[in-house]
Amino acid sequence: MLPESQISQIIDGIIQREGGVSNDPADRGGLTSAGGVTQPFAQQWNIPWPNPTQQQVHDGYRRMLAGTRIDQVPDYATLNLVADCAVNCGSSKAIRWLQQALGVAADGVIGPNTISAMTPARLMSRLISNRIITSRGLYYADIIHNNPSQATFARGWFTRLFSFLT
């Protein structure tokens, strides 16, 4: 597991990318508070709603990473990507994309097989990250294909996604 200071940096980056309060009627995600927290997410991870402080959002994201065992990813770059996927697309999807990239059963739950497949050398390979990025990009494309009104968000989604290529 990475040092807590690095996990904290990852969470701070997610909060910054998520931005402030948003209530765009075209957004299927609905109202989000500062840091990208939706009401269902707030309820699941014990975050005050609708006006959490940045520290409360940070603590909630930390609970989510621990509760889903995403924090067990032993490589900074891969954890950063998977954690961002979890916040933006849902933790189960993020874990399945990681598992598919690793070539283990994709059940959306990090267990012993997933953990044993996450060797630092393997995760540091760009191949794993590129597979996750591809899965996330296809997910966004499916959203737009199934609901063309969501294309208005494509630039932001893909800009965020492609930031993980560097």
N, C-alpha and C. Protein backbone atom coordinates (compact mmCIF):
# COMPACT_ATOMS: atom_id res chain seq x y z
N MET A 1 0.85 -1.18 0.00
CA MET A 1 0.00 0.00 0.00
C MET A 1 0.89 1.25 0.00
N LEU A 2 0.45 2.26 -0.70
CA LEU A 2 1.20 3.51 -0.78
C LEU A 2 1.13 4.26 0.56
N PRO A 3 2.10 5.12 0.81
CA PRO A 3 2.04 5.96 2.01
C PRO A 3 0.79 6.84 2.00
N GLU A 4 0.27 7.11 3.16
CA GLU A 4 -0.95 7.92 3.30
C GLU A 4 -0.78 9.29 2.63
N SER A 5 0.41 9.85 2.67
CA SER A 5 0.63 11.17 2.06
C SER A 5 0.39 11.12 0.54
N GLN A 6 0.76 10.01 -0.10
CA GLN A 6 0.53 9.89 -1.54
C GLN A 6 -0.95 9.66 -1.84
N ILE A 7 -1.61 8.87 -1.02
CA ILE A 7 -3.05 8.67 -1.20
C ILE A 7 -3.78 10.00 -1.03
N SER A 8 -3.35 10.78 -0.07
CA SER A 8 -3.94 12.10 0.17
C SER A 8 -3.75 13.01 -1.04
N GLN A 9 -2.57 12.97 -1.67
CA GLN A 9 -2.33 13.76 -2.88
C GLN A 9 -3.28 13.35 -4.00
N ILE A 10 -3.48 12.06 -4.14
CA ILE A 10 -4.38 11.56 -5.18
C ILE A 10 -5.80 12.08 -4.93
N ILE A 11 -6.26 12.00 -3.70
CA ILE A 11 -7.61 12.48 -3.36
C ILE A 11 -7.72 13.98 -3.61
N ASP A 12 -6.71 14.74 -3.22
CA ASP A 12 -6.74 16.19 -3.45
C ASP A 12 -6.84 16.50 -4.94
N GLY A 13 -6.15 15.71 -5.78
CA GLY A 13 -6.23 15.91 -7.23
C GLY A 13 -7.63 15.62 -7.76
N ILE A 14 -8.26 14.59 -7.22
CA ILE A 14 -9.63 14.25 -7.64
C ILE A 14 -10.57 15.39 -7.28
N ILE A 15 -10.46 15.89 -6.06
CA ILE A 15 -11.33 16.99 -5.62
C ILE A 15 -11.14 18.20 -6.52
N GLN A 16 -9.90 18.48 -6.89
CA GLN A 16 -9.64 19.61 -7.78
C GLN A 16 -10.26 19.37 -9.17
N ARG A 17 -10.10 18.16 -9.71
CA ARG A 17 -10.68 17.86 -11.03
C ARG A 17 -12.20 17.91 -10.99
N GLU A 18 -12.79 17.47 -9.90
CA GLU A 18 -14.26 17.45 -9.79
C GLU A 18 -14.84 18.86 -9.71
N GLY A 19 -14.11 19.76 -9.09
CA GLY A 19 -14.54 21.16 -9.06
C GLY A 19 -15.63 21.44 -8.04
N GLY A 20 -16.37 22.51 -8.31
CA GLY A 20 -17.36 23.00 -7.37
C GLY A 20 -18.74 22.41 -7.59
N VAL A 21 -19.72 23.08 -7.03
CA VAL A 21 -21.11 22.65 -7.11
C VAL A 21 -21.57 22.71 -8.56
N SER A 22 -22.32 21.69 -8.98
CA SER A 22 -22.86 21.65 -10.33
C SER A 22 -24.28 21.11 -10.28
N ASN A 23 -25.15 21.79 -10.99
CA ASN A 23 -26.53 21.33 -11.09
C ASN A 23 -27.04 21.54 -12.52
N ASP A 24 -26.27 21.05 -13.47
CA ASP A 24 -26.62 21.17 -14.89
C ASP A 24 -27.79 20.23 -15.17
N PRO A 25 -28.93 20.74 -15.65
CA PRO A 25 -30.08 19.87 -15.90
C PRO A 25 -29.81 18.78 -16.94
N ALA A 26 -28.81 18.97 -17.80
CA ALA A 26 -28.47 17.97 -18.81
C ALA A 26 -27.61 16.84 -18.25
N ASP A 27 -27.05 17.06 -17.07
CA ASP A 27 -26.13 16.07 -16.48
C ASP A 27 -26.93 14.96 -15.82
N ARG A 28 -26.75 13.72 -16.33
CA ARG A 28 -27.47 12.57 -15.77
C ARG A 28 -27.10 12.33 -14.32
N GLY A 29 -25.92 12.80 -13.90
CA GLY A 29 -25.48 12.60 -12.53
C GLY A 29 -26.23 13.46 -11.52
N GLY A 30 -26.93 14.46 -12.01
CA GLY A 30 -27.70 15.33 -11.12
C GLY A 30 -26.81 16.29 -10.34
N LEU A 31 -27.37 16.82 -9.27
CA LEU A 31 -26.69 17.78 -8.42
C LEU A 31 -25.46 17.14 -7.79
N THR A 32 -24.34 17.85 -7.91
CA THR A 32 -23.13 17.43 -7.20
C THR A 32 -22.65 18.59 -6.36
N SER A 33 -22.20 18.26 -5.17
CA SER A 33 -21.66 19.29 -4.29
C SER A 33 -20.20 19.50 -4.64
N ALA A 34 -19.55 20.41 -3.94
CA ALA A 34 -18.13 20.65 -4.14
C ALA A 34 -17.37 19.33 -4.05
N GLY A 35 -16.41 19.16 -4.94
CA GLY A 35 -15.62 17.94 -4.93
C GLY A 35 -16.26 16.79 -5.67
N GLY A 36 -17.41 17.03 -6.31
CA GLY A 36 -18.02 16.01 -7.14
C GLY A 36 -18.88 14.99 -6.42
N VAL A 37 -19.33 15.31 -5.24
CA VAL A 37 -20.09 14.35 -4.43
C VAL A 37 -21.58 14.43 -4.78
N THR A 38 -22.15 13.30 -5.15
CA THR A 38 -23.59 13.21 -5.37
C THR A 38 -24.25 12.79 -4.07
N GLN A 39 -25.56 12.96 -3.98
CA GLN A 39 -26.27 12.58 -2.76
C GLN A 39 -26.14 11.08 -2.45
N PRO A 40 -26.32 10.19 -3.44
CA PRO A 40 -26.15 8.77 -3.12
C PRO A 40 -24.74 8.43 -2.62
N PHE A 41 -23.73 9.04 -3.25
CA PHE A 41 -22.35 8.80 -2.81
C PHE A 41 -22.17 9.31 -1.38
N ALA A 42 -22.71 10.50 -1.10
CA ALA A 42 -22.61 11.07 0.25
C ALA A 42 -23.24 10.14 1.28
N GLN A 43 -24.39 9.60 0.96
CA GLN A 43 -25.05 8.69 1.90
C GLN A 43 -24.24 7.42 2.09
N GLN A 44 -23.70 6.87 1.01
CA GLN A 44 -22.95 5.62 1.10
C GLN A 44 -21.67 5.76 1.92
N TRP A 45 -20.99 6.91 1.79
CA TRP A 45 -19.68 7.07 2.42
C TRP A 45 -19.68 8.08 3.55
N ASN A 46 -20.88 8.37 4.08
CA ASN A 46 -21.02 9.18 5.29
C ASN A 46 -20.40 10.58 5.13
N ILE A 47 -20.83 11.27 4.08
CA ILE A 47 -20.39 12.64 3.83
C ILE A 47 -21.60 13.54 4.02
N PRO A 48 -21.48 14.60 4.83
CA PRO A 48 -22.63 15.50 5.00
C PRO A 48 -23.11 16.05 3.65
N TRP A 49 -24.42 16.16 3.52
CA TRP A 49 -25.02 16.62 2.27
C TRP A 49 -25.97 17.75 2.55
N PRO A 50 -26.05 18.79 1.79
CA PRO A 50 -25.47 19.00 0.47
C PRO A 50 -24.21 19.88 0.47
N ASN A 51 -23.74 20.32 1.62
CA ASN A 51 -22.63 21.28 1.65
C ASN A 51 -21.45 20.78 2.47
N PRO A 52 -20.80 19.71 2.05
CA PRO A 52 -19.66 19.22 2.82
C PRO A 52 -18.45 20.14 2.68
N THR A 53 -17.62 20.13 3.68
CA THR A 53 -16.35 20.85 3.58
C THR A 53 -15.40 20.04 2.72
N GLN A 54 -14.32 20.66 2.27
CA GLN A 54 -13.33 19.93 1.48
C GLN A 54 -12.75 18.78 2.30
N GLN A 55 -12.56 18.98 3.59
CA GLN A 55 -12.02 17.91 4.44
C GLN A 55 -13.02 16.75 4.55
N GLN A 56 -14.30 17.06 4.64
CA GLN A 56 -15.31 16.00 4.70
C GLN A 56 -15.36 15.20 3.39
N VAL A 57 -15.21 15.89 2.26
CA VAL A 57 -15.16 15.21 0.97
C VAL A 57 -13.91 14.33 0.92
N HIS A 58 -12.78 14.89 1.33
CA HIS A 58 -11.52 14.15 1.34
C HIS A 58 -11.66 12.88 2.19
N ASP A 59 -12.21 13.03 3.38
CA ASP A 59 -12.38 11.88 4.28
C ASP A 59 -13.33 10.84 3.68
N GLY A 60 -14.38 11.31 3.00
CA GLY A 60 -15.32 10.38 2.36
C GLY A 60 -14.66 9.61 1.23
N TYR A 61 -13.88 10.31 0.42
CA TYR A 61 -13.15 9.61 -0.66
C TYR A 61 -12.16 8.61 -0.06
N ARG A 62 -11.55 8.96 1.04
CA ARG A 62 -10.60 8.02 1.67
C ARG A 62 -11.34 6.78 2.16
N ARG A 63 -12.54 6.98 2.75
CA ARG A 63 -13.34 5.83 3.19
C ARG A 63 -13.72 4.95 2.00
N MET A 64 -14.06 5.58 0.87
CA MET A 64 -14.42 4.82 -0.32
C MET A 64 -13.23 3.99 -0.80
N LEU A 65 -12.06 4.59 -0.86
CA LEU A 65 -10.88 3.87 -1.33
C LEU A 65 -10.55 2.69 -0.42
N ALA A 66 -10.69 2.89 0.88
CA ALA A 66 -10.43 1.79 1.82
C ALA A 66 -11.54 0.75 1.77
N GLY A 67 -12.78 1.20 1.72
CA GLY A 67 -13.93 0.29 1.74
C GLY A 67 -14.02 -0.60 0.52
N THR A 68 -13.51 -0.13 -0.60
CA THR A 68 -13.53 -0.91 -1.83
C THR A 68 -12.18 -1.60 -2.08
N ARG A 69 -11.22 -1.32 -1.25
CA ARG A 69 -9.85 -1.84 -1.32
C ARG A 69 -9.08 -1.30 -2.52
N ILE A 70 -9.57 -0.25 -3.13
CA ILE A 70 -8.83 0.39 -4.21
C ILE A 70 -7.50 0.91 -3.68
N ASP A 71 -7.46 1.28 -2.42
CA ASP A 71 -6.21 1.79 -1.84
C ASP A 71 -5.11 0.72 -1.76
N GLN A 72 -5.43 -0.51 -2.12
CA GLN A 72 -4.43 -1.59 -2.15
C GLN A 72 -3.59 -1.59 -3.42
N VAL A 73 -3.96 -0.77 -4.41
CA VAL A 73 -3.17 -0.68 -5.64
C VAL A 73 -1.81 -0.10 -5.25
N PRO A 74 -0.71 -0.84 -5.51
CA PRO A 74 0.59 -0.44 -4.97
C PRO A 74 1.41 0.52 -5.84
N ASP A 75 0.86 1.03 -6.92
CA ASP A 75 1.57 1.93 -7.82
C ASP A 75 0.83 3.26 -7.86
N TYR A 76 1.56 4.37 -7.66
CA TYR A 76 0.94 5.69 -7.58
C TYR A 76 0.12 6.03 -8.83
N ALA A 77 0.74 5.89 -10.00
CA ALA A 77 0.05 6.29 -11.24
C ALA A 77 -1.21 5.46 -11.46
N THR A 78 -1.13 4.16 -11.20
CA THR A 78 -2.29 3.30 -11.41
C THR A 78 -3.37 3.58 -10.37
N LEU A 79 -2.98 3.78 -9.12
CA LEU A 79 -3.96 4.13 -8.09
C LEU A 79 -4.63 5.45 -8.43
N ASN A 80 -3.86 6.42 -8.89
CA ASN A 80 -4.42 7.71 -9.25
C ASN A 80 -5.50 7.54 -10.33
N LEU A 81 -5.20 6.74 -11.34
CA LEU A 81 -6.16 6.50 -12.43
C LEU A 81 -7.38 5.75 -11.94
N VAL A 82 -7.18 4.67 -11.21
CA VAL A 82 -8.31 3.84 -10.76
C VAL A 82 -9.18 4.62 -9.77
N ALA A 83 -8.57 5.38 -8.88
CA ALA A 83 -9.35 6.18 -7.92
C ALA A 83 -10.17 7.23 -8.66
N ASP A 84 -9.58 7.88 -9.66
CA ASP A 84 -10.32 8.86 -10.44
C ASP A 84 -11.48 8.20 -11.19
N CYS A 85 -11.23 7.02 -11.74
CA CYS A 85 -12.32 6.26 -12.40
C CYS A 85 -13.44 5.97 -11.41
N ALA A 86 -13.07 5.59 -10.19
CA ALA A 86 -14.06 5.23 -9.18
C ALA A 86 -14.96 6.41 -8.85
N VAL A 87 -14.37 7.59 -8.73
CA VAL A 87 -15.17 8.78 -8.40
C VAL A 87 -16.01 9.20 -9.59
N ASN A 88 -15.44 9.17 -10.78
CA ASN A 88 -16.13 9.67 -11.96
C ASN A 88 -17.12 8.69 -12.56
N CYS A 89 -16.84 7.38 -12.44
CA CYS A 89 -17.65 6.37 -13.13
C CYS A 89 -18.23 5.31 -12.21
N GLY A 90 -17.84 5.29 -10.96
CA GLY A 90 -18.30 4.28 -10.01
C GLY A 90 -17.20 3.29 -9.67
N SER A 91 -17.11 2.93 -8.42
CA SER A 91 -16.02 2.06 -7.96
C SER A 91 -16.08 0.67 -8.57
N SER A 92 -17.26 0.12 -8.74
CA SER A 92 -17.36 -1.22 -9.32
C SER A 92 -16.83 -1.25 -10.74
N LYS A 93 -17.18 -0.24 -11.55
CA LYS A 93 -16.66 -0.16 -12.92
C LYS A 93 -15.14 -0.02 -12.89
N ALA A 94 -14.65 0.87 -12.05
CA ALA A 94 -13.20 1.10 -11.97
C ALA A 94 -12.46 -0.19 -11.62
N ILE A 95 -12.99 -0.93 -10.68
CA ILE A 95 -12.34 -2.19 -10.27
C ILE A 95 -12.42 -3.21 -11.40
N ARG A 96 -13.57 -3.32 -12.06
CA ARG A 96 -13.68 -4.25 -13.19
C ARG A 96 -12.69 -3.91 -14.30
N TRP A 97 -12.53 -2.61 -14.59
CA TRP A 97 -11.57 -2.20 -15.62
C TRP A 97 -10.15 -2.58 -15.21
N LEU A 98 -9.81 -2.39 -13.95
CA LEU A 98 -8.50 -2.80 -13.44
C LEU A 98 -8.33 -4.31 -13.58
N GLN A 99 -9.34 -5.05 -13.17
CA GLN A 99 -9.26 -6.51 -13.24
C GLN A 99 -9.13 -7.00 -14.68
N GLN A 100 -9.90 -6.42 -15.59
CA GLN A 100 -9.79 -6.79 -17.00
C GLN A 100 -8.39 -6.50 -17.52
N ALA A 101 -7.83 -5.35 -17.15
CA ALA A 101 -6.48 -4.99 -17.59
C ALA A 101 -5.44 -5.97 -17.06
N LEU A 102 -5.68 -6.47 -15.85
CA LEU A 102 -4.76 -7.42 -15.23
C LEU A 102 -4.97 -8.86 -15.72
N GLY A 103 -6.10 -9.12 -16.36
CA GLY A 103 -6.40 -10.46 -16.85
C GLY A 103 -6.92 -11.40 -15.78
N VAL A 104 -7.57 -10.84 -14.75
CA VAL A 104 -8.19 -11.68 -13.72
C VAL A 104 -9.71 -11.55 -13.84
N ALA A 105 -10.44 -12.42 -13.14
CA ALA A 105 -11.90 -12.38 -13.18
C ALA A 105 -12.38 -10.98 -12.79
N ALA A 106 -13.22 -10.40 -13.65
CA ALA A 106 -13.70 -9.03 -13.45
C ALA A 106 -15.04 -9.04 -12.74
N ASP A 107 -14.99 -9.14 -11.41
CA ASP A 107 -16.22 -9.18 -10.62
C ASP A 107 -16.50 -7.88 -9.89
N GLY A 108 -15.62 -6.88 -10.02
CA GLY A 108 -15.83 -5.59 -9.39
C GLY A 108 -15.49 -5.55 -7.92
N VAL A 109 -14.83 -6.59 -7.42
CA VAL A 109 -14.45 -6.66 -6.00
C VAL A 109 -12.96 -6.99 -5.92
N ILE A 110 -12.21 -6.19 -5.21
CA ILE A 110 -10.78 -6.46 -5.05
C ILE A 110 -10.60 -7.51 -3.95
N GLY A 111 -10.19 -8.69 -4.38
CA GLY A 111 -9.94 -9.79 -3.47
C GLY A 111 -8.52 -10.31 -3.66
N PRO A 112 -8.23 -11.49 -3.12
CA PRO A 112 -6.87 -12.02 -3.16
C PRO A 112 -6.30 -12.19 -4.57
N ASN A 113 -7.11 -12.62 -5.53
CA ASN A 113 -6.59 -12.80 -6.89
C ASN A 113 -6.20 -11.47 -7.52
N THR A 114 -7.02 -10.46 -7.32
CA THR A 114 -6.69 -9.14 -7.87
C THR A 114 -5.44 -8.59 -7.18
N ILE A 115 -5.39 -8.72 -5.87
CA ILE A 115 -4.23 -8.19 -5.13
C ILE A 115 -2.95 -8.89 -5.57
N SER A 116 -2.99 -10.21 -5.74
CA SER A 116 -1.77 -10.93 -6.14
C SER A 116 -1.36 -10.56 -7.57
N ALA A 117 -2.31 -10.15 -8.41
CA ALA A 117 -1.98 -9.75 -9.78
C ALA A 117 -1.41 -8.34 -9.86
N MET A 118 -1.55 -7.57 -8.78
CA MET A 118 -1.11 -6.18 -8.79
C MET A 118 0.33 -6.02 -8.32
N THR A 119 1.25 -6.68 -8.98
CA THR A 119 2.65 -6.49 -8.62
C THR A 119 3.09 -5.11 -9.10
N PRO A 120 3.91 -4.40 -8.33
CA PRO A 120 4.32 -3.05 -8.75
C PRO A 120 4.93 -3.02 -10.16
N ALA A 121 5.77 -4.01 -10.48
CA ALA A 121 6.40 -4.00 -11.81
C ALA A 121 5.34 -4.12 -12.91
N ARG A 122 4.34 -4.93 -12.69
CA ARG A 122 3.29 -5.12 -13.69
C ARG A 122 2.44 -3.86 -13.83
N LEU A 123 2.12 -3.23 -12.71
CA LEU A 123 1.29 -2.03 -12.76
C LEU A 123 2.05 -0.86 -13.36
N MET A 124 3.36 -0.83 -13.20
CA MET A 124 4.14 0.28 -13.75
C MET A 124 4.22 0.20 -15.28
N SER A 125 3.86 -0.94 -15.82
CA SER A 125 3.79 -1.07 -17.27
C SER A 125 2.65 -0.18 -17.77
N ARG A 126 2.92 0.60 -18.79
CA ARG A 126 1.89 1.48 -19.35
C ARG A 126 0.72 0.67 -19.93
N LEU A 127 0.97 -0.59 -20.22
CA LEU A 127 -0.07 -1.43 -20.79
C LEU A 127 -1.31 -1.48 -19.89
N ILE A 128 -1.11 -1.67 -18.60
CA ILE A 128 -2.24 -1.76 -17.66
C ILE A 128 -3.03 -0.46 -17.67
N SER A 129 -2.34 0.67 -17.52
CA SER A 129 -3.03 1.97 -17.53
C SER A 129 -3.72 2.22 -18.86
N ASN A 130 -3.06 1.89 -19.95
CA ASN A 130 -3.67 2.11 -21.27
C ASN A 130 -4.93 1.28 -21.45
N ARG A 131 -4.94 0.07 -20.92
CA ARG A 131 -6.15 -0.76 -21.00
C ARG A 131 -7.29 -0.13 -20.20
N ILE A 132 -6.98 0.39 -19.02
CA ILE A 132 -8.00 1.04 -18.19
C ILE A 132 -8.51 2.30 -18.88
N ILE A 133 -7.61 3.09 -19.43
CA ILE A 133 -7.99 4.31 -20.14
C ILE A 133 -8.89 3.96 -21.34
N THR A 134 -8.55 2.91 -22.05
CA THR A 134 -9.38 2.49 -23.19
C THR A 134 -10.78 2.10 -22.72
N SER A 135 -10.87 1.32 -21.65
CA SER A 135 -12.19 0.91 -21.14
C SER A 135 -13.02 2.12 -20.73
N ARG A 136 -12.38 3.07 -20.07
CA ARG A 136 -13.11 4.28 -19.65
C ARG A 136 -13.55 5.09 -20.86
N GLY A 137 -12.70 5.21 -21.86
CA GLY A 137 -13.07 5.94 -23.07
C GLY A 137 -14.24 5.30 -23.78
N LEU A 138 -14.23 3.97 -23.85
CA LEU A 138 -15.36 3.26 -24.47
C LEU A 138 -16.64 3.44 -23.66
N TYR A 139 -16.52 3.51 -22.35
CA TYR A 139 -17.68 3.76 -21.48
C TYR A 139 -18.29 5.12 -21.81
N TYR A 140 -17.44 6.15 -21.92
CA TYR A 140 -17.94 7.48 -22.29
C TYR A 140 -18.60 7.44 -23.67
N ALA A 141 -17.96 6.75 -24.62
CA ALA A 141 -18.53 6.67 -25.97
C ALA A 141 -19.90 5.99 -25.94
N ASP A 142 -20.05 4.95 -25.12
CA ASP A 142 -21.35 4.27 -25.00
C ASP A 142 -22.41 5.20 -24.42
N ILE A 143 -22.02 6.00 -23.43
CA ILE A 143 -22.98 6.96 -22.85
C ILE A 143 -23.48 7.89 -23.95
N ILE A 144 -22.56 8.43 -24.73
CA ILE A 144 -22.94 9.37 -25.79
C ILE A 144 -23.75 8.68 -26.88
N HIS A 145 -23.36 7.47 -27.24
CA HIS A 145 -24.10 6.72 -28.26
C HIS A 145 -25.54 6.46 -27.81
N ASN A 146 -25.70 6.09 -26.56
CA ASN A 146 -27.03 5.75 -26.03
C ASN A 146 -27.86 6.98 -25.69
N ASN A 147 -27.21 8.12 -25.49
CA ASN A 147 -27.93 9.35 -25.15
C ASN A 147 -27.14 10.53 -25.72
N PRO A 148 -27.36 10.87 -26.98
CA PRO A 148 -26.57 11.91 -27.64
C PRO A 148 -26.57 13.26 -26.92
N SER A 149 -27.54 13.52 -26.06
CA SER A 149 -27.54 14.78 -25.33
C SER A 149 -26.33 14.89 -24.40
N GLN A 150 -25.73 13.75 -24.07
CA GLN A 150 -24.58 13.76 -23.16
C GLN A 150 -23.28 14.16 -23.86
N ALA A 151 -23.32 14.29 -25.19
CA ALA A 151 -22.13 14.71 -25.94
C ALA A 151 -21.61 16.06 -25.49
N THR A 152 -22.49 16.86 -24.90
CA THR A 152 -22.07 18.16 -24.40
C THR A 152 -20.95 18.04 -23.35
N PHE A 153 -20.85 16.89 -22.70
CA PHE A 153 -19.85 16.68 -21.67
C PHE A 153 -18.59 15.97 -22.18
N ALA A 154 -18.59 15.58 -23.44
CA ALA A 154 -17.50 14.76 -23.99
C ALA A 154 -16.14 15.44 -23.86
N ARG A 155 -16.06 16.70 -24.20
CA ARG A 155 -14.76 17.39 -24.15
C ARG A 155 -14.17 17.33 -22.75
N GLY A 156 -14.97 17.61 -21.76
CA GLY A 156 -14.48 17.57 -20.38
C GLY A 156 -14.09 16.16 -19.96
N TRP A 157 -14.94 15.18 -20.29
CA TRP A 157 -14.66 13.79 -19.93
C TRP A 157 -13.34 13.32 -20.53
N PHE A 158 -13.18 13.57 -21.85
CA PHE A 158 -11.99 13.07 -22.53
C PHE A 158 -10.75 13.87 -22.18
N THR A 159 -10.88 15.16 -21.92
CA THR A 159 -9.73 15.93 -21.46
C THR A 159 -9.24 15.37 -20.13
N ARG A 160 -10.16 15.09 -19.24
CA ARG A 160 -9.80 14.50 -17.94
C ARG A 160 -9.15 13.13 -18.14
N LEU A 161 -9.76 12.31 -18.98
CA LEU A 161 -9.23 10.97 -19.21
C LEU A 161 -7.84 11.03 -19.82
N PHE A 162 -7.65 11.86 -20.85
CA PHE A 162 -6.36 11.89 -21.54
C PHE A 162 -5.26 12.51 -20.68
N SER A 163 -5.63 13.21 -19.62
CA SER A 163 -4.60 13.73 -18.72
C SER A 163 -3.82 12.60 -18.05
N PHE A 164 -4.38 11.40 -18.05
CA PHE A 164 -3.70 10.25 -17.45
C PHE A 164 -2.73 9.58 -18.42
N LEU A 165 -2.69 10.03 -19.66
CA LEU A 165 -1.75 9.47 -20.63
C LEU A 165 -0.35 10.01 -20.44
N THR A 166 -0.19 11.14 -19.79
CA THR A 166 1.15 11.74 -19.64
C THR A 166 1.87 11.20 -18.44
